[in-house]
Each structure stands twice: as structure tokens, then as C-alpha cells.
Protein backbone atom coordinates (compact mmCIF):
# COMPACT_ATOMS: atom_id res chain seq x y z
CA GLN A 1 9.98 95.61 61.15
CA LEU A 2 9.11 92.02 60.36
CA GLN A 3 5.90 91.63 58.41
CA LEU A 4 4.14 88.98 56.39
CA VAL A 5 1.11 90.38 54.62
CA GLU A 6 -1.42 88.08 53.02
CA SER A 7 -3.84 89.29 50.37
CA GLY A 8 -6.03 88.08 47.53
CA GLY A 9 -8.84 86.53 49.47
CA GLY A 10 -12.49 87.12 48.72
CA LEU A 11 -15.85 85.60 47.99
CA VAL A 12 -16.00 83.06 45.18
CA GLN A 13 -18.45 80.47 43.96
CA PRO A 14 -17.67 76.76 44.09
CA GLY A 15 -15.44 75.85 41.18
CA GLY A 16 -13.94 79.31 41.06
CA SER A 17 -10.36 80.46 41.52
CA LEU A 18 -8.39 82.83 43.69
CA ARG A 19 -4.74 83.75 43.86
CA LEU A 20 -3.35 84.54 47.29
CA SER A 21 -0.14 86.46 47.83
CA CYS A 22 2.20 86.62 50.79
CA VAL A 23 4.53 89.59 50.76
CA ALA A 24 7.39 89.87 53.20
CA SER A 25 8.96 93.02 54.53
CA GLY A 26 11.70 93.59 57.05
CA PHE A 27 13.54 90.43 56.13
CA ARG A 28 14.70 88.45 53.13
CA LEU A 29 12.08 85.96 52.10
CA ASP A 30 14.45 84.01 49.86
CA ILE A 31 16.31 82.33 52.72
CA TYR A 32 13.18 80.79 54.18
CA ALA A 33 10.80 78.07 53.27
CA ILE A 34 7.24 79.39 53.30
CA GLY A 35 4.04 77.65 54.17
CA TRP A 36 0.39 78.47 53.68
CA PHE A 37 -1.99 77.54 56.45
CA ARG A 38 -5.71 77.95 56.91
CA GLN A 39 -8.14 78.02 59.78
CA ALA A 40 -11.87 77.61 59.46
CA PRO A 41 -14.26 78.66 62.24
CA GLY A 42 -14.29 76.12 65.01
CA LYS A 43 -11.42 74.15 63.53
CA GLU A 44 -7.72 73.94 64.19
CA ARG A 45 -5.25 75.66 61.91
CA GLU A 46 -3.96 73.29 59.25
CA GLU A 47 -1.11 73.42 56.79
CA VAL A 48 -2.16 73.67 53.17
CA SER A 49 1.10 73.85 51.29
CA CYS A 50 4.75 74.77 51.58
CA ILE A 51 7.65 75.62 49.30
CA SER A 52 11.37 75.49 49.92
CA ALA A 53 13.57 78.57 49.70
CA SER A 54 14.87 77.51 46.29
CA SER A 55 11.46 76.32 45.03
CA ASP A 56 12.81 72.81 44.42
CA THR A 57 10.47 71.25 46.96
CA THR A 58 6.76 71.74 47.39
CA ASN A 59 4.25 69.93 49.55
CA TYR A 60 0.46 69.90 49.55
CA ALA A 61 -2.21 68.67 51.88
CA ASN A 62 -4.17 65.80 50.34
CA SER A 63 -7.30 67.93 50.42
CA VAL A 64 -5.84 70.46 47.97
CA LYS A 65 -3.55 68.35 45.76
CA GLY A 66 -4.24 68.92 42.09
CA ARG A 67 -6.19 72.12 42.81
CA PHE A 68 -3.71 74.44 44.54
CA THR A 69 -0.29 75.50 43.31
CA ILE A 70 2.31 77.27 45.41
CA SER A 71 5.02 79.38 43.83
CA ARG A 72 7.44 82.09 44.81
CA ASP A 73 9.11 85.12 43.30
CA ASN A 74 12.09 85.84 45.49
CA ALA A 75 12.91 89.00 43.58
CA LYS A 76 9.56 90.38 44.70
CA ASN A 77 9.75 88.85 48.18
CA THR A 78 6.46 87.11 47.41
CA VAL A 79 4.95 83.66 47.68
CA ASN A 80 1.70 82.92 45.87
CA LEU A 81 -0.98 80.29 46.24
CA GLN A 82 -3.09 79.69 43.15
CA MET A 83 -6.34 78.06 44.19
CA ASN A 84 -8.51 76.48 41.51
CA SER A 85 -11.67 74.38 41.64
CA LEU A 86 -12.50 75.84 45.01
CA LYS A 87 -14.86 73.94 47.26
CA LEU A 88 -17.11 75.00 50.11
CA GLU A 89 -14.72 73.35 52.54
CA ASP A 90 -11.88 75.63 51.42
CA THR A 91 -13.58 78.47 53.26
CA ALA A 92 -11.14 79.72 55.90
CA THR A 93 -8.71 82.44 56.83
CA TYR A 94 -5.44 81.78 55.07
CA TYR A 95 -2.05 82.61 56.55
CA CYS A 96 1.53 82.38 55.39
CA LYS A 97 4.43 81.54 57.67
CA ARG A 98 8.15 81.23 57.31
CA GLY A 99 9.96 78.03 57.97
CA ILE A 100 13.36 76.37 58.00
CA VAL A 101 12.62 73.72 55.43
CA CYS A 102 9.70 72.36 53.44
CA GLY A 103 9.78 68.60 53.20
CA ALA A 104 7.62 65.54 52.83
CA MET A 105 6.16 66.20 56.28
CA GLY A 106 5.42 69.83 55.48
CA LEU A 107 6.89 73.01 56.89
CA ASP A 108 9.45 72.95 59.66
CA GLU A 109 8.38 76.25 61.21
CA TYR A 110 10.97 78.88 62.01
CA ASP A 111 9.15 81.02 64.58
CA ASP A 112 5.73 81.86 65.96
CA TYR A 113 5.08 84.90 63.82
CA TRP A 114 1.77 84.98 61.93
CA GLY A 115 0.42 87.64 59.63
CA GLN A 116 -3.15 88.91 59.82
CA GLY A 117 -4.43 86.45 57.25
CA THR A 118 -6.77 86.82 54.29
CA GLN A 119 -10.33 85.53 54.27
CA VAL A 120 -11.44 83.09 51.58
CA THR A 121 -15.14 82.37 51.39
CA VAL A 122 -16.49 79.81 48.94
CA SER A 123 -20.23 80.06 48.67
CA SER A 124 -22.97 79.74 46.10
């Protein structure tokens, strides 16, 4: 059964860090590009970052450049998102999604499957 399970969210103060993980089951993660998306209450879902299947290409939204780092461990079927210097506006539910490619324009999405997401709350 296809699953993408996000974890690692939580409550953190501004300036803090979190590491999100996206674990795949039911399919091989290493043949897909993977993207991280987020959706804040009342806002549209937006792409945060993506990484190609081979890790040779990454892309970041301007709002997170220099603060977030995406990486993958294909042996563990996992993609991680290290989030540093968190800001109040990073508060959202974060989702991972598989794609065909990750390029300069972001993730070329493969299908409509979404995991359940993990909540990140940045608050003082």
C-alpha cells in the first residue's frame, strides 16, 4: 500500500530548529523526486523545497532559502527537511509529495497523493 508518512513537527520558538522526515512505504522512493509543501490556515498550499531522485538538484522557495535544507537517504526510503532559524510565518502543516523531476521551477508532481502531514508551530 502506497504511503508517505511525515513526522518531526512540533512546537518551537522563533529561531529554533526542527527536522522533518518523510518516509515512504509501498514503493521505491529513490526513483522519484520529492517535494516538501506547507499549508497555513486560510492560505493555499505552497511548495517549500524539492530534491531530485539522485540528489543532484534541489530547489527552495525564496522564503526559506538559507534556512532550510532538504536531503534524502534512499537506502532508508527517507527524505528530510532540516529547518533552522524558524520564523512565525513558517507555522503550517508540512507535507511531502513525490514528483517526476525537481527543477528550477520546483517539483513536477507525479500524482495527487498526499500524506497526512506534520504540524509545525513556531510561537514564543
